[in-house]
C-alpha atoms as a PDB file:
ATOM      1  CA  MET A   1      -6.750  12.779   3.231  1.00  0.00           C
ATOM      2  CA  GLN A   2      -9.759  10.834   1.979  1.00  0.00           C
ATOM      3  CA  VAL A   3      -8.871   7.797  -0.148  1.00  0.00           C
ATOM      4  CA  GLU A   4     -11.344   6.154  -2.490  1.00  0.00           C
ATOM      5  CA  LEU A   5     -11.251   2.361  -2.779  1.00  0.00           C
ATOM      6  CA  ASP A   6     -10.678   2.681  -6.536  1.00  0.00           C
ATOM      7  CA  ASP A   7      -7.415   4.503  -5.764  1.00  0.00           C
ATOM      8  CA  ILE A   8      -5.940   1.528  -3.871  1.00  0.00           C
ATOM      9  CA  MET A   9      -3.954  -0.907  -5.993  1.00  0.00           C
ATOM     10  CA  GLY A  10      -2.364  -4.287  -5.394  1.00  0.00           C
ATOM     11  CA  LEU A  11       0.470  -5.850  -7.349  1.00  0.00           C
ATOM     12  CA  SER A  12      -1.782  -7.151 -10.147  1.00  0.00           C
ATOM     13  CA  GLU A  13      -3.351  -3.740 -10.743  1.00  0.00           C
ATOM     14  CA  VAL A  14       0.041  -2.019 -10.642  1.00  0.00           C
ATOM     15  CA  SER A  15       1.382  -4.543 -13.130  1.00  0.00           C
ATOM     16  CA  GLU A  16      -1.535  -3.886 -15.466  1.00  0.00           C
ATOM     17  CA  MET A  17      -1.255  -0.093 -15.122  1.00  0.00           C
ATOM     18  CA  THR A  18       2.502   0.037 -15.713  1.00  0.00           C
ATOM     19  CA  GLY A  19       2.764  -2.730 -18.296  1.00  0.00           C
ATOM     20  CA  LYS A  20       5.518  -4.285 -16.160  1.00  0.00           C
ATOM     21  CA  SER A  21       5.440  -7.866 -14.923  1.00  0.00           C
ATOM     22  CA  LYS A  22       4.960  -8.566 -11.231  1.00  0.00           C
ATOM     23  CA  ALA A  23       8.519  -9.912 -11.146  1.00  0.00           C
ATOM     24  CA  ASN A  24       9.842  -6.632 -12.606  1.00  0.00           C
ATOM     25  CA  ILE A  25       7.950  -4.596 -10.038  1.00  0.00           C
ATOM     26  CA  LYS A  26       9.307  -6.765  -7.216  1.00  0.00           C
ATOM     27  CA  GLU A  27      12.830  -6.281  -8.604  1.00  0.00           C
ATOM     28  CA  TYR A  28      12.345  -2.487  -8.741  1.00  0.00           C
ATOM     29  CA  GLN A  29      11.173  -2.645  -5.119  1.00  0.00           C
ATOM     30  CA  LYS A  30      14.202  -4.675  -4.071  1.00  0.00           C
ATOM     31  CA  ARG A  31      16.491  -2.089  -5.703  1.00  0.00           C
ATOM     32  CA  GLY A  32      14.670   0.808  -4.029  1.00  0.00           C
ATOM     33  CA  GLN A  33      13.497   2.101  -7.414  1.00  0.00           C
ATOM     34  CA  PHE A  34       9.753   1.851  -6.779  1.00  0.00           C
ATOM     35  CA  PRO A  35       7.415   3.718  -4.428  1.00  0.00           C
ATOM     36  CA  GLU A  36       7.032   2.292  -0.949  1.00  0.00           C
ATOM     37  CA  PRO A  37       3.632   0.663  -0.452  1.00  0.00           C
ATOM     38  CA  VAL A  38       1.212   2.553   1.785  1.00  0.00           C
ATOM     39  CA  LYS A  39       0.345  -0.744   3.469  1.00  0.00           C
ATOM     40  CA  GLU A  40       1.656  -4.305   3.558  1.00  0.00           C
ATOM     41  CA  LEU A  41      -1.019  -6.974   3.980  1.00  0.00           C
ATOM     42  CA  ALA A  42      -0.645 -10.735   4.195  1.00  0.00           C
ATOM     43  CA  SER A  43      -1.910 -10.814   0.607  1.00  0.00           C
ATOM     44  CA  GLY A  44       0.736  -8.317  -0.546  1.00  0.00           C
ATOM     45  CA  PRO A  45       1.606  -4.630  -0.823  1.00  0.00           C
ATOM     46  CA  LEU A  46      -0.873  -1.832  -1.550  1.00  0.00           C
ATOM     47  CA  TRP A  47      -0.161   1.441  -3.321  1.00  0.00           C
ATOM     48  CA  LEU A  48      -2.174   4.516  -4.194  1.00  0.00           C
ATOM     49  CA  ARG A  49      -2.872   5.129  -7.877  1.00  0.00           C
ATOM     50  CA  ASP A  50      -1.252   8.589  -7.621  1.00  0.00           C
ATOM     51  CA  GLN A  51       2.027   7.058  -6.364  1.00  0.00           C
ATOM     52  CA  ILE A  52       2.201   4.762  -9.372  1.00  0.00           C
ATOM     53  CA  GLN A  53       1.229   7.487 -11.839  1.00  0.00           C
ATOM     54  CA  GLU A  54       3.943   9.770 -10.425  1.00  0.00           C
ATOM     55  CA  TRP A  55       6.496   6.927 -10.735  1.00  0.00           C
ATOM     56  CA  MET A  56       5.439   6.377 -14.351  1.00  0.00           C
ATOM     57  CA  ASP A  57       5.697  10.101 -15.126  1.00  0.00           C
ATOM     58  CA  THR A  58       9.196  10.428 -13.618  1.00  0.00           C
ATOM     59  CA  PRO A  59      12.024   9.914 -16.135  1.00  0.00           C
ATOM     60  CA  ARG A  60      14.513   7.200 -15.183  1.00  0.00           C
ATOM     61  CA  GLN A  61      17.812   6.075 -16.625  1.00  0.00           C
ATOM     62  CA  ARG A  62      17.548   2.897 -18.621  1.00  0.00           C
ATOM     63  CA  GLY A  63      19.811  -0.073 -18.076  1.00  0.00           C
ATOM     64  CA  ARG A  64      21.942  -0.999 -15.134  1.00  0.00           C
ATOM     65  CA  LYS A  65      24.200   1.364 -13.256  1.00  0.00           C
ATOM     66  CA  LYS A  66      27.925   0.862 -13.780  1.00  0.00           C
ATOM     67  CA  LYS A  67      29.823  -0.524 -10.823  1.00  0.00           C
ATOM     68  CA  VAL A  68      32.293   1.851  -9.211  1.00  0.00           C
ATOM     69  CA  ASP A  69      35.491   0.294  -7.821  1.00  0.00           C
END
C-alpha cells in the first residue's frame, strides 16, 4: 500500500479535522474508542487520514456508559 505524505496526520491535524480538542482525542485513545496510530514517534502518534475519516463516519453512542455492578 502506497501512502502519500498528505495522508499522514499527527495529533494537531486530527484535532483540526475532527473538531475535537487534543485532550479529547487523548481521552478517546485511553478509553480504546479511537483508532490505533499507525506509528508512534517521539513527537507523538501518527494516523492515516482514512482511519480518522472512518472513525468520524462511524456512529457512536453519546455520553458515558452506565456502570454494571
